[in-house]
Structures are given as structure tokens and as C-alpha cells.
PDB file of N, CA and C in Angstrom:
ATOM      1  N   UNK A   1     -16.258  17.742  12.828  1.00  0.00           N
ATOM      2  CA  UNK A   1     -14.882  17.403  13.346  1.00  0.00           C
ATOM      3  C   UNK A   1     -14.067  16.599  12.405  1.00  0.00           C
ATOM      4  N   UNK A   2     -12.829  17.090  12.251  1.00  0.00           N
ATOM      5  CA  UNK A   2     -11.728  16.432  11.386  1.00  0.00           C
ATOM      6  C   UNK A   2     -10.754  15.683  12.118  1.00  0.00           C
ATOM      7  N   UNK A   3     -10.550  14.359  11.751  1.00  0.00           N
ATOM      8  CA  UNK A   3      -9.515  13.568  12.378  1.00  0.00           C
ATOM      9  C   UNK A   3      -8.508  13.298  11.324  1.00  0.00           C
ATOM     10  N   UNK A   4      -7.218  13.408  11.757  1.00  0.00           N
ATOM     11  CA  UNK A   4      -6.034  13.195  10.881  1.00  0.00           C
ATOM     12  C   UNK A   4      -5.161  12.315  11.591  1.00  0.00           C
ATOM     13  N   UNK A   5      -4.884  11.025  11.158  1.00  0.00           N
ATOM     14  CA  UNK A   5      -3.927  10.236  11.823  1.00  0.00           C
ATOM     15  C   UNK A   5      -3.056   9.467  10.912  1.00  0.00           C
ATOM     16  N   UNK A   6      -1.694   9.422  11.329  1.00  0.00           N
ATOM     17  CA  UNK A   6      -0.666   8.672  10.527  1.00  0.00           C
ATOM     18  C   UNK A   6      -0.983   7.183  10.836  1.00  0.00           C
ATOM     19  N   UNK A   7      -0.718   6.464   9.864  1.00  0.00           N
ATOM     20  CA  UNK A   7      -0.831   4.972   9.935  1.00  0.00           C
ATOM     21  C   UNK A   7       0.241   4.273   9.017  1.00  0.00           C
ATOM     22  N   UNK A   8       0.472   2.973   9.326  1.00  0.00           N
ATOM     23  CA  UNK A   8       1.400   2.163   8.438  1.00  0.00           C
ATOM     24  C   UNK A   8       0.664   1.012   7.946  1.00  0.00           C
ATOM     25  N   UNK A   9       0.953   0.704   6.727  1.00  0.00           N
ATOM     26  CA  UNK A   9       0.473  -0.578   6.141  1.00  0.00           C
ATOM     27  C   UNK A   9       1.742  -1.250   5.628  1.00  0.00           C
ATOM     28  N   UNK A  10       2.043  -2.393   6.289  1.00  0.00           N
ATOM     29  CA  UNK A  10       3.231  -3.133   5.955  1.00  0.00           C
ATOM     30  C   UNK A  10       4.466  -2.291   5.959  1.00  0.00           C
ATOM     31  N   UNK A  11       4.464  -1.474   7.029  1.00  0.00           N
ATOM     32  CA  UNK A  11       5.682  -0.549   7.201  1.00  0.00           C
ATOM     33  C   UNK A  11       5.760   0.685   6.306  1.00  0.00           C
ATOM     34  N   UNK A  12       4.652   0.908   5.499  1.00  0.00           N
ATOM     35  CA  UNK A  12       4.784   2.006   4.565  1.00  0.00           C
ATOM     36  C   UNK A  12       3.795   3.104   5.160  1.00  0.00           C
ATOM     37  N   UNK A  13       4.250   4.326   5.209  1.00  0.00           N
ATOM     38  CA  UNK A  13       3.467   5.486   5.856  1.00  0.00           C
ATOM     39  C   UNK A  13       2.200   5.935   4.957  1.00  0.00           C
ATOM     40  N   UNK A  14       1.132   6.221   5.653  1.00  0.00           N
ATOM     41  CA  UNK A  14      -0.022   6.699   4.953  1.00  0.00           C
ATOM     42  C   UNK A  14      -0.638   7.630   5.989  1.00  0.00           C
ATOM     43  N   UNK A  15      -1.604   8.347   5.487  1.00  0.00           N
ATOM     44  CA  UNK A  15      -2.338   9.302   6.393  1.00  0.00           C
ATOM     45  C   UNK A  15      -3.863   8.978   6.286  1.00  0.00           C
ATOM     46  N   UNK A  16      -4.620   8.777   7.416  1.00  0.00           N
ATOM     47  CA  UNK A  16      -6.022   8.566   7.300  1.00  0.00           C
ATOM     48  C   UNK A  16      -6.645   9.839   7.770  1.00  0.00           C
ATOM     49  N   UNK A  17      -7.698  10.384   7.041  1.00  0.00           N
ATOM     50  CA  UNK A  17      -8.539  11.460   7.343  1.00  0.00           C
ATOM     51  C   UNK A  17      -9.922  11.205   7.308  1.00  0.00           C
ATOM     52  N   UNK A  18     -10.632  11.650   8.402  1.00  0.00           N
ATOM     53  CA  UNK A  18     -12.062  11.434   8.396  1.00  0.00           C
ATOM     54  C   UNK A  18     -12.719  12.880   8.860  1.00  0.00           C
ATOM     55  N   UNK A  19     -13.674  13.196   8.044  1.00  0.00           N
ATOM     56  CA  UNK A  19     -14.392  14.459   8.341  1.00  0.00           C
ATOM     57  C   UNK A  19     -15.847  13.975   8.663  1.00  0.00           C
ATOM     58  N   UNK A  20     -16.246  14.283   9.959  1.00  0.00           N
ATOM     59  CA  UNK A  20     -17.628  13.944  10.480  1.00  0.00           C
ATOM     60  C   UNK A  20     -18.562  15.112  10.172  1.00  0.00           C
ATOM     61  N   UNK A  21     -19.498  14.768   9.348  1.00  0.00           N
ATOM     62  CA  UNK A  21     -20.533  15.684   8.924  1.00  0.00           C
ATOM     63  C   UNK A  21     -21.825  15.180   9.367  1.00  0.00           C
ATOM     64  N   UNK A  22     -22.875  16.045   9.391  1.00  0.00           N
ATOM     65  CA  UNK A  22     -24.159  15.694   9.763  1.00  0.00           C
ATOM     66  C   UNK A  22     -24.787  14.451   8.793  1.00  0.00           C
ATOM     67  N   UNK A  23     -25.002  13.295   9.485  1.00  0.00           N
ATOM     68  CA  UNK A  23     -25.540  12.191   8.667  1.00  0.00           C
ATOM     69  C   UNK A  23     -24.577  11.369   7.770  1.00  0.00           C
ATOM     70  N   UNK A  24     -23.216  11.857   7.893  1.00  0.00           N
ATOM     71  CA  UNK A  24     -22.390  11.079   6.960  1.00  0.00           C
ATOM     72  C   UNK A  24     -20.943  11.412   7.418  1.00  0.00           C
ATOM     73  N   UNK A  25     -20.055  10.601   6.975  1.00  0.00           N
ATOM     74  CA  UNK A  25     -18.511  10.900   7.231  1.00  0.00           C
ATOM     75  C   UNK A  25     -17.902  10.828   5.876  1.00  0.00           C
ATOM     76  N   UNK A  26     -16.903  11.603   5.665  1.00  0.00           N
ATOM     77  CA  UNK A  26     -16.016  11.535   4.515  1.00  0.00           C
ATOM     78  C   UNK A  26     -14.666  11.040   5.030  1.00  0.00           C
ATOM     79  N   UNK A  27     -14.204   9.898   4.350  1.00  0.00           N
ATOM     80  CA  UNK A  27     -12.908   9.321   4.738  1.00  0.00           C
ATOM     81  C   UNK A  27     -12.028   9.093   3.586  1.00  0.00           C
ATOM     82  N   UNK A  28     -10.721   9.101   3.845  1.00  0.00           N
ATOM     83  CA  UNK A  28      -9.737   8.876   2.805  1.00  0.00           C
ATOM     84  C   UNK A  28      -8.462   8.355   3.521  1.00  0.00           C
ATOM     85  N   UNK A  29      -7.809   7.532   2.866  1.00  0.00           N
ATOM     86  CA  UNK A  29      -6.433   7.066   3.218  1.00  0.00           C
ATOM     87  C   UNK A  29      -5.475   7.467   2.084  1.00  0.00           C
ATOM     88  N   UNK A  30      -4.344   8.168   2.397  1.00  0.00           N
ATOM     89  CA  UNK A  30      -3.550   8.593   1.190  1.00  0.00           C
ATOM     90  C   UNK A  30      -1.999   8.474   1.554  1.00  0.00           C
ATOM     91  N   UNK A  31      -1.272   8.615   0.491  1.00  0.00           N
ATOM     92  CA  UNK A  31       0.134   8.912   0.587  1.00  0.00           C
ATOM     93  C   UNK A  31       0.405   9.947  -0.494  1.00  0.00           C
ATOM     94  N   UNK A  32       1.827  10.139  -0.799  1.00  0.00           N
ATOM     95  CA  UNK A  32       2.092  11.169  -1.712  1.00  0.00           C
ATOM     96  C   UNK A  32       1.735  10.848  -3.118  1.00  0.00           C
ATOM     97  N   UNK A  33       1.379   9.496  -3.456  1.00  0.00           N
ATOM     98  CA  UNK A  33       1.055   9.181  -4.825  1.00  0.00           C
ATOM     99  C   UNK A  33      -0.490   9.129  -5.177  1.00  0.00           C
ATOM    100  N   UNK A  34      -1.290   8.645  -4.166  1.00  0.00           N
ATOM    101  CA  UNK A  34      -2.744   8.553  -4.391  1.00  0.00           C
ATOM    102  C   UNK A  34      -3.546   8.241  -3.107  1.00  0.00           C
ATOM    103  N   UNK A  35      -4.729   7.720  -3.377  1.00  0.00           N
ATOM    104  CA  UNK A  35      -5.600   7.551  -2.225  1.00  0.00           C
ATOM    105  C   UNK A  35      -6.780   6.549  -2.543  1.00  0.00           C
ATOM    106  N   UNK A  36      -7.353   6.111  -1.412  1.00  0.00           N
ATOM    107  CA  UNK A  36      -8.631   5.486  -1.489  1.00  0.00           C
ATOM    108  C   UNK A  36      -9.583   6.271  -0.700  1.00  0.00           C
ATOM    109  N   UNK A  37     -10.959   6.284  -1.069  1.00  0.00           N
ATOM    110  CA  UNK A  37     -11.837   7.197  -0.432  1.00  0.00           C
ATOM    111  C   UNK A  37     -13.223   6.431  -0.301  1.00  0.00           C
ATOM    112  N   UNK A  38     -14.074   6.994   0.529  1.00  0.00           N
ATOM    113  CA  UNK A  38     -15.352   6.413   0.689  1.00  0.00           C
ATOM    114  C   UNK A  38     -16.244   6.825  -0.595  1.00  0.00           C
ATOM    115  N   UNK A  39     -17.458   6.484  -0.553  1.00  0.00           N
ATOM    116  CA  UNK A  39     -18.330   6.742  -1.658  1.00  0.00           C
ATOM    117  C   UNK A  39     -18.507   8.128  -2.244  1.00  0.00           C
ATOM    118  N   UNK A  40     -18.065   9.075  -1.536  1.00  0.00           N
ATOM    119  CA  UNK A  40     -18.236  10.553  -1.946  1.00  0.00           C
ATOM    120  C   UNK A  40     -17.253  10.790  -3.189  1.00  0.00           C
ATOM    121  N   UNK A  41     -16.229   9.939  -3.405  1.00  0.00           N
ATOM    122  CA  UNK A  41     -15.390  10.190  -4.526  1.00  0.00           C
ATOM    123  C   UNK A  41     -16.111  10.000  -5.926  1.00  0.00           C
ATOM    124  N   UNK A  42     -15.957  10.934  -6.738  1.00  0.00           N
ATOM    125  CA  UNK A  42     -16.719  10.736  -8.085  1.00  0.00           C
ATOM    126  C   UNK A  42     -15.625  10.360  -9.045  1.00  0.00           C
ATOM    127  N   UNK A  43     -15.398   8.966  -9.170  1.00  0.00           N
ATOM    128  CA  UNK A  43     -14.413   8.467 -10.068  1.00  0.00           C
ATOM    129  C   UNK A  43     -14.635   8.893 -11.520  1.00  0.00           C
ATOM    130  N   UNK A  44     -15.956   8.821 -12.063  1.00  0.00           N
ATOM    131  CA  UNK A  44     -16.308   9.095 -13.326  1.00  0.00           C
ATOM    132  C   UNK A  44     -15.891  10.542 -13.603  1.00  0.00           C
ATOM    133  N   UNK A  45     -16.082  11.465 -12.851  1.00  0.00           N
ATOM    134  CA  UNK A  45     -15.733  12.826 -12.981  1.00  0.00           C
ATOM    135  C   UNK A  45     -14.231  12.954 -13.236  1.00  0.00           C
ATOM    136  N   UNK A  46     -13.485  12.285 -12.346  1.00  0.00           N
ATOM    137  CA  UNK A  46     -12.025  12.241 -12.417  1.00  0.00           C
ATOM    138  C   UNK A  46     -11.546  11.742 -13.880  1.00  0.00           C
ATOM    139  N   UNK A  47     -12.192  10.647 -14.267  1.00  0.00           N
ATOM    140  CA  UNK A  47     -11.742   9.977 -15.562  1.00  0.00           C
ATOM    141  C   UNK A  47     -12.171  10.858 -16.713  1.00  0.00           C
ATOM    142  N   UNK A  48     -13.388  11.603 -16.618  1.00  0.00           N
ATOM    143  CA  UNK A  48     -13.772  12.269 -17.714  1.00  0.00           C
ATOM    144  C   UNK A  48     -13.297  13.698 -17.840  1.00  0.00           C
ATOM    145  N   UNK A  49     -13.223  14.417 -16.668  1.00  0.00           N
ATOM    146  CA  UNK A  49     -13.026  15.817 -16.743  1.00  0.00           C
ATOM    147  C   UNK A  49     -11.474  16.255 -16.271  1.00  0.00           C
ATOM    148  N   UNK A  50     -10.907  15.179 -15.430  1.00  0.00           N
ATOM    149  CA  UNK A  50      -9.563  15.473 -14.912  1.00  0.00           C
ATOM    150  C   UNK A  50      -8.482  14.420 -15.278  1.00  0.00           C
ATOM    151  N   UNK A  51      -8.731  13.691 -16.352  1.00  0.00           N
ATOM    152  CA  UNK A  51      -7.831  12.673 -16.728  1.00  0.00           C
ATOM    153  C   UNK A  51      -6.349  13.216 -16.911  1.00  0.00           C
ATOM    154  N   UNK A  52      -6.286  14.384 -17.406  1.00  0.00           N
ATOM    155  CA  UNK A  52      -4.958  14.995 -17.583  1.00  0.00           C
ATOM    156  C   UNK A  52      -4.157  15.196 -16.392  1.00  0.00           C
ATOM    157  N   UNK A  53      -4.811  15.193 -15.151  1.00  0.00           N
ATOM    158  CA  UNK A  53      -4.089  15.263 -13.900  1.00  0.00           C
ATOM    159  C   UNK A  53      -3.378  13.979 -13.352  1.00  0.00           C
ATOM    160  N   UNK A  54      -3.790  12.886 -13.949  1.00  0.00           N
ATOM    161  CA  UNK A  54      -3.241  11.647 -13.523  1.00  0.00           C
ATOM    162  C   UNK A  54      -3.472  11.282 -12.087  1.00  0.00           C
ATOM    163  N   UNK A  55      -4.749  11.357 -11.697  1.00  0.00           N
ATOM    164  CA  UNK A  55      -5.054  11.119 -10.354  1.00  0.00           C
ATOM    165  C   UNK A  55      -5.161   9.667 -10.017  1.00  0.00           C
ATOM    166  N   UNK A  56      -4.460   8.999  -9.017  1.00  0.00           N
ATOM    167  CA  UNK A  56      -4.473   7.636  -8.625  1.00  0.00           C
ATOM    168  C   UNK A  56      -5.331   7.578  -7.571  1.00  0.00           C
ATOM    169  N   UNK A  57      -6.682   6.998  -7.741  1.00  0.00           N
ATOM    170  CA  UNK A  57      -7.541   6.902  -6.648  1.00  0.00           C
ATOM    171  C   UNK A  57      -8.534   5.699  -6.971  1.00  0.00           C
ATOM    172  N   UNK A  58      -9.129   5.289  -5.709  1.00  0.00           N
ATOM    173  CA  UNK A  58     -10.238   4.281  -5.803  1.00  0.00           C
ATOM    174  C   UNK A  58     -11.195   4.691  -4.793  1.00  0.00           C
ATOM    175  N   UNK A  59     -12.383   4.090  -4.918  1.00  0.00           N
ATOM    176  CA  UNK A  59     -13.659   4.421  -4.200  1.00  0.00           C
ATOM    177  C   UNK A  59     -14.207   3.107  -3.706  1.00  0.00           C
ATOM    178  N   UNK A  60     -14.551   3.050  -2.434  1.00  0.00           N
ATOM    179  CA  UNK A  60     -15.277   1.941  -1.686  1.00  0.00           C
ATOM    180  C   UNK A  60     -16.544   2.511  -1.127  1.00  0.00           C
ATOM    181  N   UNK A  61     -17.639   1.850  -1.396  1.00  0.00           N
ATOM    182  CA  UNK A  61     -18.932   2.151  -0.923  1.00  0.00           C
ATOM    183  C   UNK A  61     -19.389   1.398   0.252  1.00  0.00           C
ATOM    184  N   UNK A  62     -20.343   2.001   1.066  1.00  0.00           N
ATOM    185  CA  UNK A  62     -20.883   1.418   2.227  1.00  0.00           C
ATOM    186  C   UNK A  62     -19.940   1.311   3.357  1.00  0.00           C
ATOM    187  N   UNK A  63     -18.946   2.060   3.542  1.00  0.00           N
ATOM    188  CA  UNK A  63     -18.032   2.020   4.590  1.00  0.00           C
ATOM    189  C   UNK A  63     -18.307   3.178   5.459  1.00  0.00           C
ATOM    190  N   UNK A  64     -18.124   2.915   6.779  1.00  0.00           N
ATOM    191  CA  UNK A  64     -18.446   3.908   7.824  1.00  0.00           C
ATOM    192  C   UNK A  64     -17.228   4.255   8.756  1.00  0.00           C
ATOM    193  N   UNK A  65     -16.067   3.428   8.650  1.00  0.00           N
ATOM    194  CA  UNK A  65     -14.861   3.664   9.296  1.00  0.00           C
ATOM    195  C   UNK A  65     -13.642   3.518   8.509  1.00  0.00           C
ATOM    196  N   UNK A  66     -12.467   4.029   8.935  1.00  0.00           N
ATOM    197  CA  UNK A  66     -11.274   3.884   8.257  1.00  0.00           C
ATOM    198  C   UNK A  66     -10.951   2.276   8.103  1.00  0.00           C
ATOM    199  N   UNK A  67     -11.264   1.594   9.147  1.00  0.00           N
ATOM    200  CA  UNK A  67     -10.892   0.105   9.067  1.00  0.00           C
ATOM    201  C   UNK A  67     -11.698  -0.566   8.019  1.00  0.00           C
ATOM    202  N   UNK A  68     -12.962  -0.113   7.878  1.00  0.00           N
ATOM    203  CA  UNK A  68     -13.843  -0.747   6.906  1.00  0.00           C
ATOM    204  C   UNK A  68     -13.324  -0.276   5.479  1.00  0.00           C
ATOM    205  N   UNK A  69     -12.832   0.965   5.310  1.00  0.00           N
ATOM    206  CA  UNK A  69     -12.385   1.396   4.047  1.00  0.00           C
ATOM    207  C   UNK A  69     -11.234   0.538   3.621  1.00  0.00           C
ATOM    208  N   UNK A  70     -10.261   0.287   4.544  1.00  0.00           N
ATOM    209  CA  UNK A  70      -9.046  -0.474   4.227  1.00  0.00           C
ATOM    210  C   UNK A  70      -9.447  -1.920   3.847  1.00  0.00           C
ATOM    211  N   UNK A  71     -10.575  -2.478   4.423  1.00  0.00           N
ATOM    212  CA  UNK A  71     -10.872  -3.942   4.150  1.00  0.00           C
ATOM    213  C   UNK A  71     -11.906  -4.050   2.970  1.00  0.00           C
ATOM    214  N   UNK A  72     -12.489  -2.935   2.468  1.00  0.00           N
ATOM    215  CA  UNK A  72     -13.476  -3.101   1.561  1.00  0.00           C
ATOM    216  C   UNK A  72     -13.023  -3.247   0.068  1.00  0.00           C
ATOM    217  N   UNK A  73     -13.737  -3.973  -0.741  1.00  0.00           N
ATOM    218  CA  UNK A  73     -13.479  -4.009  -2.192  1.00  0.00           C
ATOM    219  C   UNK A  73     -13.713  -2.551  -2.811  1.00  0.00           C
ATOM    220  N   UNK A  74     -12.876  -2.247  -3.614  1.00  0.00           N
ATOM    221  CA  UNK A  74     -13.070  -0.931  -4.310  1.00  0.00           C
ATOM    222  C   UNK A  74     -14.093  -1.043  -5.417  1.00  0.00           C
ATOM    223  N   UNK A  75     -15.087  -0.193  -5.429  1.00  0.00           N
ATOM    224  CA  UNK A  75     -16.230  -0.239  -6.382  1.00  0.00           C
ATOM    225  C   UNK A  75     -15.802   0.329  -7.657  1.00  0.00           C
ATOM    226  N   UNK A  76     -14.902   1.314  -7.767  1.00  0.00           N
ATOM    227  CA  UNK A  76     -14.365   1.822  -8.928  1.00  0.00           C
ATOM    228  C   UNK A  76     -13.086   2.505  -8.712  1.00  0.00           C
ATOM    229  N   UNK A  77     -12.275   2.668  -9.768  1.00  0.00           N
ATOM    230  CA  UNK A  77     -10.975   3.134  -9.720  1.00  0.00           C
ATOM    231  C   UNK A  77     -10.744   4.174 -10.900  1.00  0.00           C
ATOM    232  N   UNK A  78      -9.726   5.071 -10.657  1.00  0.00           N
ATOM    233  CA  UNK A  78      -9.453   5.976 -11.845  1.00  0.00           C
ATOM    234  C   UNK A  78      -8.579   5.230 -12.902  1.00  0.00           C
ATOM    235  N   UNK A  79      -8.758   5.878 -14.092  1.00  0.00           N
ATOM    236  CA  UNK A  79      -7.952   5.139 -15.210  1.00  0.00           C
ATOM    237  C   UNK A  79      -6.456   5.179 -14.838  1.00  0.00           C
ATOM    238  N   UNK A  80      -5.901   6.241 -14.189  1.00  0.00           N
ATOM    239  CA  UNK A  80      -4.614   6.192 -13.710  1.00  0.00           C
ATOM    240  C   UNK A  80      -4.192   5.142 -12.744  1.00  0.00           C
ATOM    241  N   UNK A  81      -5.200   4.887 -11.826  1.00  0.00           N
ATOM    242  CA  UNK A  81      -4.922   3.780 -10.880  1.00  0.00           C
ATOM    243  C   UNK A  81      -4.797   2.455 -11.671  1.00  0.00           C
ATOM    244  N   UNK A  82      -5.507   2.307 -12.612  1.00  0.00           N
ATOM    245  CA  UNK A  82      -5.391   1.038 -13.403  1.00  0.00           C
ATOM    246  C   UNK A  82      -3.977   0.808 -13.937  1.00  0.00           C
ATOM    247  N   UNK A  83      -3.325   1.881 -14.262  1.00  0.00           N
ATOM    248  CA  UNK A  83      -1.879   1.861 -14.707  1.00  0.00           C
ATOM    249  C   UNK A  83      -0.962   1.368 -13.759  1.00  0.00           C
ATOM    250  N   UNK A  84      -1.282   1.340 -12.426  1.00  0.00           N
ATOM    251  CA  UNK A  84      -0.512   0.861 -11.333  1.00  0.00           C
ATOM    252  C   UNK A  84      -0.953  -0.506 -10.821  1.00  0.00           C
ATOM    253  N   UNK A  85      -1.956  -1.080 -11.607  1.00  0.00           N
ATOM    254  CA  UNK A  85      -2.378  -2.443 -11.273  1.00  0.00           C
ATOM    255  C   UNK A  85      -3.477  -2.442 -10.235  1.00  0.00           C
ATOM    256  N   UNK A  86      -4.083  -1.394  -9.953  1.00  0.00           N
ATOM    257  CA  UNK A  86      -5.210  -1.159  -9.074  1.00  0.00           C
ATOM    258  C   UNK A  86      -6.484  -1.469  -9.901  1.00  0.00           C
ATOM    259  N   UNK A  87      -7.298  -2.376  -9.305  1.00  0.00           N
ATOM    260  CA  UNK A  87      -8.490  -2.795 -10.088  1.00  0.00           C
ATOM    261  C   UNK A  87      -9.791  -2.816  -9.281  1.00  0.00           C
ATOM    262  N   UNK A  88     -10.924  -2.625  -9.961  1.00  0.00           N
ATOM    263  CA  UNK A  88     -12.218  -2.747  -9.236  1.00  0.00           C
ATOM    264  C   UNK A  88     -12.118  -4.127  -8.639  1.00  0.00           C
ATOM    265  N   UNK A  89     -12.703  -4.117  -7.319  1.00  0.00           N
ATOM    266  CA  UNK A  89     -12.720  -5.315  -6.579  1.00  0.00           C
ATOM    267  C   UNK A  89     -11.685  -5.659  -5.643  1.00  0.00           C
ATOM    268  N   UNK A  90     -10.583  -4.896  -5.927  1.00  0.00           N
ATOM    269  CA  UNK A  90      -9.298  -5.032  -5.176  1.00  0.00           C
ATOM    270  C   UNK A  90      -9.657  -4.537  -3.712  1.00  0.00           C
ATOM    271  N   UNK A  91      -9.025  -5.116  -2.693  1.00  0.00           N
ATOM    272  CA  UNK A  91      -9.245  -4.650  -1.342  1.00  0.00           C
ATOM    273  C   UNK A  91      -8.563  -3.291  -1.131  1.00  0.00           C
ATOM    274  N   UNK A  92      -9.078  -2.375  -0.375  1.00  0.00           N
ATOM    275  CA  UNK A  92      -8.486  -0.914  -0.248  1.00  0.00           C
ATOM    276  C   UNK A  92      -7.048  -0.965   0.213  1.00  0.00           C
ATOM    277  N   UNK A  93      -6.648  -1.770   1.163  1.00  0.00           N
ATOM    278  CA  UNK A  93      -5.298  -1.834   1.670  1.00  0.00           C
ATOM    279  C   UNK A  93      -4.253  -2.372   0.650  1.00  0.00           C
ATOM    280  N   UNK A  94      -4.826  -3.350  -0.226  1.00  0.00           N
ATOM    281  CA  UNK A  94      -3.951  -3.900  -1.363  1.00  0.00           C
ATOM    282  C   UNK A  94      -3.727  -2.760  -2.468  1.00  0.00           C
ATOM    283  N   UNK A  95      -4.657  -2.009  -2.730  1.00  0.00           N
ATOM    284  CA  UNK A  95      -4.606  -0.864  -3.495  1.00  0.00           C
ATOM    285  C   UNK A  95      -3.733   0.182  -3.134  1.00  0.00           C
ATOM    286  N   UNK A  96      -3.635   0.508  -1.783  1.00  0.00           N
ATOM    287  CA  UNK A  96      -2.702   1.426  -1.291  1.00  0.00           C
ATOM    288  C   UNK A  96      -1.261   0.956  -1.376  1.00  0.00           C
ATOM    289  N   UNK A  97      -1.148  -0.354  -1.194  1.00  0.00           N
ATOM    290  CA  UNK A  97       0.347  -0.873  -1.351  1.00  0.00           C
ATOM    291  C   UNK A  97       0.801  -0.833  -2.746  1.00  0.00           C
ATOM    292  N   UNK A  98      -0.048  -0.829  -3.780  1.00  0.00           N
ATOM    293  CA  UNK A  98       0.285  -0.539  -5.141  1.00  0.00           C
ATOM    294  C   UNK A  98       0.821   0.786  -5.432  1.00  0.00           C
ATOM    295  N   UNK A  99       0.426   1.732  -4.462  1.00  0.00           N
ATOM    296  CA  UNK A  99       0.867   3.178  -4.593  1.00  0.00           C
ATOM    297  C   UNK A  99       2.132   3.493  -4.022  1.00  0.00           C
ATOM    298  N   UNK A 100       2.787   2.398  -3.473  1.00  0.00           N
ATOM    299  CA  UNK A 100       4.087   2.604  -2.791  1.00  0.00           C
ATOM    300  C   UNK A 100       5.257   2.361  -3.772  1.00  0.00           C
ATOM    301  N   UNK A 101       6.230   3.351  -3.906  1.00  0.00           N
ATOM    302  CA  UNK A 101       7.326   3.124  -4.933  1.00  0.00           C
ATOM    303  C   UNK A 101       8.125   1.992  -4.529  1.00  0.00           C
TER     304      UNK A 101
END
């Protein structure tokens, strides 16, 4: 099952997506600039193989709900995300707000 829900963080629009799979869920919260995602995101791959795409993203591990994803510290971030002031250990919702123009 796939759930797609609009949401606002401090008045800024984002979209939350959750894909329920056997034994796991894939979750992300995004806007037109970037996203945060559950542990399925391979940040090292993005940094090594897709660096030229400028992907702004962060990964939180051990989360099972969108609310947990928003409140969890990021375990890793892409190199492009670092250019926006998004850092490892930053809370997910704080990282998303850095993605707002």
C-alpha cells in the first residue's frame, strides 16, 4: 500500500510518502528541492555515483513512522545537502526547513 499525504512544517508545504512492504516500510518527506528518507536511502551511492545530480537528501535510521522520521537525527546526508547547512545529527524537520527557499 502507498500513502501520499500533504503536510506543512512551519507553514511550508511538503509531501509525506510511505510505502508499506512485507516486513518494512519505505518513507520519505520531500519538497521540490530535496528530501529526508528512512534507512533505505543509500547516501554513499548518491555521493559517489550521482554527485553530479546535486541531490539534497538525508537519511534517518530506525524510524517506523513519518512522525519518527521528522523527529529523528539524520544518520547521514548528501554532499549537496551539506551545502545547504544540513548536517549529520540534525533533526529531520530542521533539515527540511533548510530546503525551503
